[in-house]
Amino acid sequence: MDARVSRIKAMALYDAMAYPPTAPELDASSVPAPIEPPFKLIRGRVVFDGRENLILEHERREKLFPAKVRRAQTVAKFLAGLSGVRFVALCNTTALAHASEDGDLDFFVITRKGTIMQTRGWSTLRFAGSRPGTHDSDRDAVCLSYFVDDSALDLSSHMLPGDDPYFRFWFLSLLPLFDDGVATDLWKANASILSHHPNARPWIVAEDLRVHRPWWRLPTVSFLDPLASRLHERIISSKLKAMRNQDTRVIINAHVLKFHADDGRELFRSRAEETCKKYGVS
């Protein structure tokens, strides 16, 4: 693909999310090329000409990241204490140090096969009073809305039909906090996503963010998963029941628990397409 077309497509999505990527982030998601019109490079971040305000807003939000990630590490430490958990990552805006002051903390969790229901059950109980919607503000609320087990690492079927640029971006921007080595398998299992981003490189767990495996972990019990599944069926909201497995927003089965009822992917895709048209890219 032509470098200009590739970079406009990548930047169109970033712009739709009002996020100014760093130059390396843009290189990872497109064909690397010099920063030239219609882009501007300001203090290490790239925006379309006329969108410089995005950088000022990001710099304001970036100052909130240390406190938010400390809270996220507390959550990850609890999850790492469950023997079914293999991987915990922050995702969405918090992973980019771009969350608003009232933004919640979104997590993506990988469990061992046969433990997904009990693992989410324990984590939901632990953070029941911290979930989005339980207080007047969702500031640092704990959103445990995406679990998969290690037999279902290929996430391509969770994408929108056609193309899903936001999901691809979401995948690349995961911020691991705990990993027992399964992240390598996750990366390899999603070759179809990575084929759009040949310059992307696997995630690295930063040492100052890494949550280590505790010396004792709550063991998994084989009969608990069927029990947790039946309990889950009783307490799940009517909204989620109605949306279950109708499309890729809410997926509930023995290997995947994905509860993204309020999903902005189609909106982001539409906005990005409009920006591409503006610059003559189809």
C-alpha atoms as a PDB file:
ATOM      1  CA  MET A   1       0.000   0.000   0.000  1.00  0.00           C
ATOM      2  CA  ASP A   2       1.166   3.538  -0.792  1.00  0.00           C
ATOM      3  CA  ALA A   3       2.741   5.127   2.291  1.00  0.00           C
ATOM      4  CA  ARG A   4       0.553   8.232   2.123  1.00  0.00           C
ATOM      5  CA  VAL A   5      -2.642   6.187   1.864  1.00  0.00           C
ATOM      6  CA  SER A   6      -1.532   3.883   4.657  1.00  0.00           C
ATOM      7  CA  ARG A   7      -0.724   6.748   7.009  1.00  0.00           C
ATOM      8  CA  ILE A   8      -3.908   8.675   6.272  1.00  0.00           C
ATOM      9  CA  LYS A   9      -5.966   5.543   7.004  1.00  0.00           C
ATOM     10  CA  ALA A  10      -4.140   5.008  10.288  1.00  0.00           C
ATOM     11  CA  MET A  11      -4.321   8.676  11.283  1.00  0.00           C
ATOM     12  CA  ALA A  12      -8.020   8.833  10.372  1.00  0.00           C
ATOM     13  CA  LEU A  13      -8.781   6.289  13.078  1.00  0.00           C
ATOM     14  CA  TYR A  14      -6.567   8.017  15.634  1.00  0.00           C
ATOM     15  CA  ASP A  15      -8.304  11.278  14.813  1.00  0.00           C
ATOM     16  CA  ALA A  16     -11.739   9.651  15.158  1.00  0.00           C
ATOM     17  CA  MET A  17     -10.739   8.697  18.705  1.00  0.00           C
ATOM     18  CA  ALA A  18      -9.296  12.181  19.334  1.00  0.00           C
ATOM     19  CA  TYR A  19      -5.955  10.558  20.177  1.00  0.00           C
ATOM     20  CA  PRO A  20      -2.648  11.991  18.878  1.00  0.00           C
ATOM     21  CA  PRO A  21      -0.278   9.041  18.389  1.00  0.00           C
ATOM     22  CA  THR A  22       3.444   9.176  18.876  1.00  0.00           C
ATOM     23  CA  ALA A  23       5.504   8.878  15.718  1.00  0.00           C
ATOM     24  CA  PRO A  24       6.504   5.265  16.606  1.00  0.00           C
ATOM     25  CA  GLU A  25       2.833   4.387  17.202  1.00  0.00           C
ATOM     26  CA  LEU A  26       1.947   5.729  13.785  1.00  0.00           C
ATOM     27  CA  ASP A  27       4.856   3.826  12.210  1.00  0.00           C
ATOM     28  CA  ALA A  28       3.671   0.598  13.869  1.00  0.00           C
ATOM     29  CA  SER A  29       0.177   0.953  12.450  1.00  0.00           C
ATOM     30  CA  SER A  30       1.075   2.110   8.926  1.00  0.00           C
ATOM     31  CA  VAL A  31       3.831   2.192   6.337  1.00  0.00           C
ATOM     32  CA  PRO A  32       6.635   4.285   7.899  1.00  0.00           C
ATOM     33  CA  ALA A  33       7.335   7.544   6.099  1.00  0.00           C
ATOM     34  CA  PRO A  34       8.525  11.077   6.900  1.00  0.00           C
ATOM     35  CA  ILE A  35       6.053  13.312   8.732  1.00  0.00           C
ATOM     36  CA  GLU A  36       4.837  15.716   6.079  1.00  0.00           C
ATOM     37  CA  PRO A  37       1.557  17.399   5.083  1.00  0.00           C
ATOM     38  CA  PRO A  38      -1.245  16.873   5.904  1.00  0.00           C
ATOM     39  CA  PHE A  39       0.368  15.887   9.229  1.00  0.00           C
ATOM     40  CA  LYS A  40       2.165  17.834  11.921  1.00  0.00           C
ATOM     41  CA  LEU A  41       4.681  16.497  14.455  1.00  0.00           C
ATOM     42  CA  ILE A  42       4.513  18.414  17.723  1.00  0.00           C
ATOM     43  CA  ARG A  43       6.384  17.340  20.864  1.00  0.00           C
ATOM     44  CA  GLY A  44       6.678  13.803  19.541  1.00  0.00           C
ATOM     45  CA  ARG A  45       3.011  13.377  18.596  1.00  0.00           C
ATOM     46  CA  VAL A  46       1.342  13.444  15.200  1.00  0.00           C
ATOM     47  CA  VAL A  47      -1.946  15.103  14.231  1.00  0.00           C
ATOM     48  CA  PHE A  48      -3.670  16.282  11.098  1.00  0.00           C
ATOM     49  CA  ASP A  49      -3.015  19.919  10.300  1.00  0.00           C
ATOM     50  CA  GLY A  50      -5.578  21.949  12.256  1.00  0.00           C
ATOM     51  CA  ARG A  51      -6.000  19.350  15.025  1.00  0.00           C
ATOM     52  CA  GLU A  52      -3.203  20.575  17.273  1.00  0.00           C
ATOM     53  CA  ASN A  53      -5.663  20.914  20.155  1.00  0.00           C
ATOM     54  CA  LEU A  54      -5.635  17.112  20.491  1.00  0.00           C
ATOM     55  CA  ILE A  55      -2.067  17.250  21.742  1.00  0.00           C
ATOM     56  CA  LEU A  56      -2.849  19.754  24.486  1.00  0.00           C
ATOM     57  CA  GLU A  57      -5.796  17.628  25.627  1.00  0.00           C
ATOM     58  CA  HIS A  58      -3.685  14.474  25.657  1.00  0.00           C
ATOM     59  CA  GLU A  59      -0.963  16.149  27.702  1.00  0.00           C
ATOM     60  CA  ARG A  60      -3.594  17.135  30.259  1.00  0.00           C
ATOM     61  CA  ARG A  61      -4.918  13.572  30.425  1.00  0.00           C
ATOM     62  CA  GLU A  62      -1.448  12.041  30.525  1.00  0.00           C
ATOM     63  CA  LYS A  63      -0.889  13.601  33.946  1.00  0.00           C
ATOM     64  CA  LEU A  64      -3.708  11.418  35.297  1.00  0.00           C
ATOM     65  CA  PHE A  65      -2.039   8.181  34.199  1.00  0.00           C
ATOM     66  CA  PRO A  66       0.238   7.451  37.218  1.00  0.00           C
ATOM     67  CA  ALA A  67      -2.694   7.418  39.654  1.00  0.00           C
ATOM     68  CA  LYS A  68      -4.874   5.404  37.294  1.00  0.00           C
ATOM     69  CA  VAL A  69      -2.248   2.783  36.594  1.00  0.00           C
ATOM     70  CA  ARG A  70      -1.575   2.328  40.327  1.00  0.00           C
ATOM     71  CA  ARG A  71      -5.255   1.563  40.761  1.00  0.00           C
ATOM     72  CA  ALA A  72      -5.079  -0.816  37.796  1.00  0.00           C
ATOM     73  CA  GLN A  73      -2.095  -2.604  39.334  1.00  0.00           C
ATOM     74  CA  THR A  74      -4.135  -3.199  42.497  1.00  0.00           C
ATOM     75  CA  VAL A  75      -6.822  -4.876  40.395  1.00  0.00           C
ATOM     76  CA  ALA A  76      -4.236  -6.890  38.461  1.00  0.00           C
ATOM     77  CA  LYS A  77      -2.626  -8.100  41.711  1.00  0.00           C
ATOM     78  CA  PHE A  78      -5.951  -9.527  42.831  1.00  0.00           C
ATOM     79  CA  LEU A  79      -6.524 -11.183  39.464  1.00  0.00           C
ATOM     80  CA  ALA A  80      -2.994 -12.613  39.459  1.00  0.00           C
ATOM     81  CA  GLY A  81      -3.874 -14.272  42.758  1.00  0.00           C
ATOM     82  CA  LEU A  82      -6.503 -16.398  40.995  1.00  0.00           C
ATOM     83  CA  SER A  83      -4.880 -19.561  39.649  1.00  0.00           C
ATOM     84  CA  GLY A  84      -7.052 -19.496  36.546  1.00  0.00           C
ATOM     85  CA  VAL A  85      -5.616 -16.161  35.369  1.00  0.00           C
ATOM     86  CA  ARG A  86      -2.786 -16.148  32.827  1.00  0.00           C
ATOM     87  CA  PHE A  87      -2.821 -12.590  31.456  1.00  0.00           C
ATOM     88  CA  VAL A  88      -4.187  -9.219  32.538  1.00  0.00           C
ATOM     89  CA  ALA A  89      -3.980  -6.109  30.377  1.00  0.00           C
ATOM     90  CA  LEU A  90      -5.317  -2.605  30.535  1.00  0.00           C
ATOM     91  CA  CYS A  91      -7.044  -1.576  27.332  1.00  0.00           C
ATOM     92  CA  ASN A  92      -8.777   1.320  25.614  1.00  0.00           C
ATOM     93  CA  THR A  93      -7.914   4.898  26.594  1.00  0.00           C
ATOM     94  CA  THR A  94      -6.251   4.114  29.925  1.00  0.00           C
ATOM     95  CA  ALA A  95      -3.708   1.890  28.184  1.00  0.00           C
ATOM     96  CA  LEU A  96      -2.746   4.928  26.105  1.00  0.00           C
ATOM     97  CA  ALA A  97      -2.496   7.290  29.093  1.00  0.00           C
ATOM     98  CA  HIS A  98      -5.425   9.064  27.450  1.00  0.00           C
ATOM     99  CA  ALA A  99      -8.294   8.410  29.859  1.00  0.00           C
ATOM    100  CA  SER A 100     -10.360  11.335  31.067  1.00  0.00           C
ATOM    101  CA  GLU A 101     -10.541  12.151  34.757  1.00  0.00           C
ATOM    102  CA  ASP A 102     -13.890  10.338  35.030  1.00  0.00           C
ATOM    103  CA  GLY A 103     -12.765   7.427  32.837  1.00  0.00           C
ATOM    104  CA  ASP A 104     -13.012   3.845  34.062  1.00  0.00           C
ATOM    105  CA  LEU A 105     -10.383   1.091  33.915  1.00  0.00           C
ATOM    106  CA  ASP A 106     -11.027  -1.503  31.200  1.00  0.00           C
ATOM    107  CA  PHE A 107      -9.358  -4.904  31.446  1.00  0.00           C
ATOM    108  CA  PHE A 108      -8.762  -7.812  29.090  1.00  0.00           C
ATOM    109  CA  VAL A 109      -8.137 -11.126  30.865  1.00  0.00           C
ATOM    110  CA  ILE A 110      -7.002 -14.546  29.654  1.00  0.00           C
ATOM    111  CA  THR A 111      -7.808 -17.565  31.810  1.00  0.00           C
ATOM    112  CA  ARG A 112      -7.001 -21.246  31.689  1.00  0.00           C
ATOM    113  CA  LYS A 113      -9.518 -23.370  29.825  1.00  0.00           C
ATOM    114  CA  GLY A 114     -12.291 -24.523  32.140  1.00  0.00           C
ATOM    115  CA  THR A 115     -11.871 -21.669  34.632  1.00  0.00           C
ATOM    116  CA  ILE A 116     -13.348 -18.631  32.882  1.00  0.00           C
ATOM    117  CA  MET A 117     -16.694 -18.580  34.684  1.00  0.00           C
ATOM    118  CA  GLN A 118     -15.372 -19.005  38.222  1.00  0.00           C
ATOM    119  CA  THR A 119     -12.532 -16.562  37.561  1.00  0.00           C
ATOM    120  CA  ARG A 120     -14.863 -13.817  36.408  1.00  0.00           C
ATOM    121  CA  GLY A 121     -17.213 -14.709  39.251  1.00  0.00           C
ATOM    122  CA  TRP A 122     -14.541 -14.168  41.898  1.00  0.00           C
ATOM    123  CA  SER A 123     -13.342 -10.964  40.272  1.00  0.00           C
ATOM    124  CA  THR A 124     -16.881  -9.611  39.944  1.00  0.00           C
ATOM    125  CA  LEU A 125     -17.543 -10.323  43.617  1.00  0.00           C
ATOM    126  CA  ARG A 126     -14.312  -8.628  44.648  1.00  0.00           C
ATOM    127  CA  PHE A 127     -15.011  -5.461  42.659  1.00  0.00           C
ATOM    128  CA  ALA A 128     -18.808  -5.443  42.828  1.00  0.00           C
ATOM    129  CA  GLY A 129     -18.824  -2.008  44.434  1.00  0.00           C
ATOM    130  CA  SER A 130     -16.366  -0.592  41.936  1.00  0.00           C
ATOM    131  CA  ARG A 131     -18.066  -1.412  38.657  1.00  0.00           C
ATOM    132  CA  PRO A 132     -19.191   1.291  36.199  1.00  0.00           C
ATOM    133  CA  GLY A 133     -22.605   2.646  37.103  1.00  0.00           C
ATOM    134  CA  THR A 134     -22.389   1.867  40.816  1.00  0.00           C
ATOM    135  CA  HIS A 135     -21.485   5.444  41.767  1.00  0.00           C
ATOM    136  CA  ASP A 136     -22.286   8.939  40.547  1.00  0.00           C
ATOM    137  CA  SER A 137     -18.948   8.979  38.724  1.00  0.00           C
ATOM    138  CA  ASP A 138     -17.206   6.140  36.870  1.00  0.00           C
ATOM    139  CA  ARG A 139     -13.803   7.532  37.744  1.00  0.00           C
ATOM    140  CA  ASP A 140     -11.424   4.547  37.986  1.00  0.00           C
ATOM    141  CA  ALA A 141     -14.368   2.126  38.042  1.00  0.00           C
ATOM    142  CA  VAL A 142     -13.261  -1.462  37.378  1.00  0.00           C
ATOM    143  CA  CYS A 143     -14.651  -2.769  34.096  1.00  0.00           C
ATOM    144  CA  LEU A 144     -14.083  -6.531  33.827  1.00  0.00           C
ATOM    145  CA  SER A 145     -15.949  -6.945  30.567  1.00  0.00           C
ATOM    146  CA  TYR A 146     -13.694  -9.062  28.355  1.00  0.00           C
ATOM    147  CA  PHE A 147     -12.425 -12.527  29.253  1.00  0.00           C
ATOM    148  CA  VAL A 148     -11.228 -15.321  26.982  1.00  0.00           C
ATOM    149  CA  ASP A 149      -9.676 -18.657  27.862  1.00  0.00           C
ATOM    150  CA  ASP A 150      -6.423 -19.974  26.430  1.00  0.00           C
ATOM    151  CA  SER A 151      -8.215 -22.218  23.933  1.00  0.00           C
ATOM    152  CA  ALA A 152      -9.831 -19.179  22.272  1.00  0.00           C
ATOM    153  CA  LEU A 153      -6.934 -16.804  21.639  1.00  0.00           C
ATOM    154  CA  ASP A 154      -7.846 -16.039  18.018  1.00  0.00           C
ATOM    155  CA  LEU A 155      -9.970 -12.898  18.427  1.00  0.00           C
ATOM    156  CA  SER A 156     -10.685 -12.311  14.738  1.00  0.00           C
ATOM    157  CA  SER A 157     -14.260 -13.596  15.031  1.00  0.00           C
ATOM    158  CA  HIS A 158     -14.946 -10.847  17.597  1.00  0.00           C
ATOM    159  CA  MET A 159     -14.423  -8.151  14.974  1.00  0.00           C
ATOM    160  CA  LEU A 160     -17.052  -6.268  13.015  1.00  0.00           C
ATOM    161  CA  PRO A 161     -17.915  -7.756   9.612  1.00  0.00           C
ATOM    162  CA  GLY A 162     -15.735  -6.365   6.854  1.00  0.00           C
ATOM    163  CA  ASP A 163     -13.003  -4.462   8.601  1.00  0.00           C
ATOM    164  CA  ASP A 164     -12.779  -3.370  12.212  1.00  0.00           C
ATOM    165  CA  PRO A 165     -10.005  -0.770  12.476  1.00  0.00           C
ATOM    166  CA  TYR A 166     -10.773   0.101  16.082  1.00  0.00           C
ATOM    167  CA  PHE A 167     -10.494  -3.538  17.201  1.00  0.00           C
ATOM    168  CA  ARG A 168      -7.157  -3.866  15.432  1.00  0.00           C
ATOM    169  CA  PHE A 169      -5.955  -0.722  17.178  1.00  0.00           C
ATOM    170  CA  TRP A 170      -7.349  -1.972  20.504  1.00  0.00           C
ATOM    171  CA  PHE A 171      -5.396  -5.205  20.122  1.00  0.00           C
ATOM    172  CA  LEU A 172      -2.093  -3.479  19.352  1.00  0.00           C
ATOM    173  CA  SER A 173      -2.470  -1.008  22.212  1.00  0.00           C
ATOM    174  CA  LEU A 174      -3.040  -3.515  25.024  1.00  0.00           C
ATOM    175  CA  LEU A 175      -0.939  -2.689  28.086  1.00  0.00           C
ATOM    176  CA  PRO A 176      -0.008  -5.962  29.849  1.00  0.00           C
ATOM    177  CA  LEU A 177       0.304  -5.890  33.618  1.00  0.00           C
ATOM    178  CA  PHE A 178       0.498  -9.643  34.280  1.00  0.00           C
ATOM    179  CA  ASP A 179       1.613 -12.358  31.861  1.00  0.00           C
ATOM    180  CA  ASP A 180       2.695 -15.942  32.450  1.00  0.00           C
ATOM    181  CA  GLY A 181       3.960 -16.218  28.867  1.00  0.00           C
ATOM    182  CA  VAL A 182       0.612 -16.642  27.099  1.00  0.00           C
ATOM    183  CA  ALA A 183       0.934 -13.203  25.493  1.00  0.00           C
ATOM    184  CA  THR A 184       3.272 -14.764  22.917  1.00  0.00           C
ATOM    185  CA  ASP A 185       0.554 -17.260  22.004  1.00  0.00           C
ATOM    186  CA  LEU A 186      -2.029 -14.479  21.839  1.00  0.00           C
ATOM    187  CA  TRP A 187       0.133 -12.513  19.420  1.00  0.00           C
ATOM    188  CA  LYS A 188       0.729 -15.524  17.165  1.00  0.00           C
ATOM    189  CA  ALA A 189      -2.947 -16.535  17.212  1.00  0.00           C
ATOM    190  CA  ASN A 190      -3.967 -13.188  15.739  1.00  0.00           C
ATOM    191  CA  ALA A 191      -1.922 -13.210  12.559  1.00  0.00           C
ATOM    192  CA  SER A 192      -4.980 -12.075  10.606  1.00  0.00           C
ATOM    193  CA  ILE A 193      -5.056  -8.843  12.632  1.00  0.00           C
ATOM    194  CA  LEU A 194      -1.304  -8.363  12.437  1.00  0.00           C
ATOM    195  CA  SER A 195      -1.343  -8.807   8.637  1.00  0.00           C
ATOM    196  CA  HIS A 196      -2.718  -5.246   8.508  1.00  0.00           C
ATOM    197  CA  HIS A 197       0.195  -4.025  10.634  1.00  0.00           C
ATOM    198  CA  PRO A 198       3.434  -5.666   9.451  1.00  0.00           C
ATOM    199  CA  ASN A 199       5.531  -3.159  11.412  1.00  0.00           C
ATOM    200  CA  ALA A 200       3.846  -3.862  14.744  1.00  0.00           C
ATOM    201  CA  ARG A 201       5.899  -5.521  17.470  1.00  0.00           C
ATOM    202  CA  PRO A 202       4.725  -7.693  20.396  1.00  0.00           C
ATOM    203  CA  TRP A 203       3.810  -6.050  23.658  1.00  0.00           C
ATOM    204  CA  ILE A 204       6.435  -5.647  26.348  1.00  0.00           C
ATOM    205  CA  VAL A 205       5.527  -5.757  30.023  1.00  0.00           C
ATOM    206  CA  ALA A 206       7.275  -2.731  31.493  1.00  0.00           C
ATOM    207  CA  GLU A 207       9.139  -3.651  34.679  1.00  0.00           C
ATOM    208  CA  ASP A 208       7.749  -0.697  36.620  1.00  0.00           C
ATOM    209  CA  LEU A 209       4.205  -1.797  35.732  1.00  0.00           C
ATOM    210  CA  ARG A 210       4.631  -5.572  35.945  1.00  0.00           C
ATOM    211  CA  VAL A 211       2.551  -7.448  38.508  1.00  0.00           C
ATOM    212  CA  HIS A 212       4.328 -10.589  39.680  1.00  0.00           C
ATOM    213  CA  ARG A 213       2.737 -13.935  40.391  1.00  0.00           C
ATOM    214  CA  PRO A 214       2.061 -14.238  44.140  1.00  0.00           C
ATOM    215  CA  TRP A 215       3.434 -17.151  46.137  1.00  0.00           C
ATOM    216  CA  TRP A 216      -0.107 -18.433  46.809  1.00  0.00           C
ATOM    217  CA  ARG A 217      -3.035 -18.351  44.416  1.00  0.00           C
ATOM    218  CA  LEU A 218      -6.686 -19.218  44.943  1.00  0.00           C
ATOM    219  CA  PRO A 219      -7.022 -22.670  43.364  1.00  0.00           C
ATOM    220  CA  THR A 220      -9.559 -23.496  40.694  1.00  0.00           C
ATOM    221  CA  VAL A 221     -12.135 -26.189  41.373  1.00  0.00           C
ATOM    222  CA  SER A 222     -13.542 -28.201  38.468  1.00  0.00           C
ATOM    223  CA  PHE A 223     -17.174 -28.198  39.596  1.00  0.00           C
ATOM    224  CA  LEU A 224     -17.235 -24.438  40.168  1.00  0.00           C
ATOM    225  CA  ASP A 225     -17.295 -23.419  36.507  1.00  0.00           C
ATOM    226  CA  PRO A 226     -20.653 -25.093  35.716  1.00  0.00           C
ATOM    227  CA  LEU A 227     -22.022 -23.684  38.969  1.00  0.00           C
ATOM    228  CA  ALA A 228     -20.714 -20.195  38.184  1.00  0.00           C
ATOM    229  CA  SER A 229     -22.196 -20.473  34.691  1.00  0.00           C
ATOM    230  CA  ARG A 230     -25.676 -21.230  36.073  1.00  0.00           C
ATOM    231  CA  LEU A 231     -25.380 -18.371  38.566  1.00  0.00           C
ATOM    232  CA  HIS A 232     -24.214 -16.049  35.818  1.00  0.00           C
ATOM    233  CA  GLU A 233     -27.289 -16.929  33.774  1.00  0.00           C
ATOM    234  CA  ARG A 234     -29.507 -15.881  36.673  1.00  0.00           C
ATOM    235  CA  ILE A 235     -27.895 -12.531  37.373  1.00  0.00           C
ATOM    236  CA  ILE A 236     -27.039 -11.295  33.879  1.00  0.00           C
ATOM    237  CA  SER A 237     -29.064  -8.234  32.911  1.00  0.00           C
ATOM    238  CA  SER A 238     -31.988  -8.502  30.526  1.00  0.00           C
ATOM    239  CA  LYS A 239     -30.192  -6.095  28.166  1.00  0.00           C
ATOM    240  CA  LEU A 240     -27.170  -8.372  27.876  1.00  0.00           C
ATOM    241  CA  LYS A 241     -29.384 -11.444  27.519  1.00  0.00           C
ATOM    242  CA  ALA A 242     -31.181  -9.823  24.610  1.00  0.00           C
ATOM    243  CA  MET A 243     -27.881  -8.929  22.932  1.00  0.00           C
ATOM    244  CA  ARG A 244     -26.106 -12.211  23.663  1.00  0.00           C
ATOM    245  CA  ASN A 245     -24.393 -13.698  20.607  1.00  0.00           C
ATOM    246  CA  GLN A 246     -26.475 -11.559  18.249  1.00  0.00           C
ATOM    247  CA  ASP A 247     -23.344  -9.827  16.989  1.00  0.00           C
ATOM    248  CA  THR A 248     -19.806  -9.179  18.242  1.00  0.00           C
ATOM    249  CA  ARG A 249     -20.705  -6.717  20.989  1.00  0.00           C
ATOM    250  CA  VAL A 250     -21.864  -9.281  23.560  1.00  0.00           C
ATOM    251  CA  ILE A 251     -20.417 -12.795  23.323  1.00  0.00           C
ATOM    252  CA  ILE A 252     -21.169 -15.368  25.997  1.00  0.00           C
ATOM    253  CA  ASN A 253     -20.036 -18.975  25.719  1.00  0.00           C
ATOM    254  CA  ALA A 254     -17.805 -21.467  27.509  1.00  0.00           C
ATOM    255  CA  HIS A 255     -14.637 -19.784  26.237  1.00  0.00           C
ATOM    256  CA  VAL A 256     -15.466 -16.079  25.795  1.00  0.00           C
ATOM    257  CA  LEU A 257     -17.193 -13.492  27.987  1.00  0.00           C
ATOM    258  CA  LYS A 258     -17.409 -10.158  26.187  1.00  0.00           C
ATOM    259  CA  PHE A 259     -19.829  -7.525  27.480  1.00  0.00           C
ATOM    260  CA  HIS A 260     -19.445  -4.438  25.278  1.00  0.00           C
ATOM    261  CA  ALA A 261     -23.092  -3.450  25.009  1.00  0.00           C
ATOM    262  CA  ASP A 262     -22.217   0.207  24.434  1.00  0.00           C
ATOM    263  CA  ASP A 263     -19.823  -0.298  21.560  1.00  0.00           C
ATOM    264  CA  GLY A 264     -18.423   2.648  19.596  1.00  0.00           C
ATOM    265  CA  ARG A 265     -16.565   0.680  16.914  1.00  0.00           C
ATOM    266  CA  GLU A 266     -19.000   1.390  14.092  1.00  0.00           C
ATOM    267  CA  LEU A 267     -19.013   5.097  14.943  1.00  0.00           C
ATOM    268  CA  PHE A 268     -15.204   5.235  14.944  1.00  0.00           C
ATOM    269  CA  ARG A 269     -15.106   3.380  11.631  1.00  0.00           C
ATOM    270  CA  SER A 270     -17.617   5.781  10.087  1.00  0.00           C
ATOM    271  CA  ARG A 271     -15.713   8.846  11.321  1.00  0.00           C
ATOM    272  CA  ALA A 272     -12.446   7.445  10.001  1.00  0.00           C
ATOM    273  CA  GLU A 273     -14.006   6.767   6.602  1.00  0.00           C
ATOM    274  CA  GLU A 274     -15.251  10.350   6.403  1.00  0.00           C
ATOM    275  CA  THR A 275     -11.772  11.668   7.192  1.00  0.00           C
ATOM    276  CA  CYS A 276     -10.253   9.411   4.536  1.00  0.00           C
ATOM    277  CA  LYS A 277     -12.709  10.781   1.968  1.00  0.00           C
ATOM    278  CA  LYS A 278     -11.671  14.304   2.944  1.00  0.00           C
ATOM    279  CA  TYR A 279      -8.104  13.456   1.907  1.00  0.00           C
ATOM    280  CA  GLY A 280      -9.115  11.537  -1.210  1.00  0.00           C
ATOM    281  CA  VAL A 281      -8.491   8.053   0.219  1.00  0.00           C
ATOM    282  CA  SER A 282     -11.113   5.340  -0.285  1.00  0.00           C
END
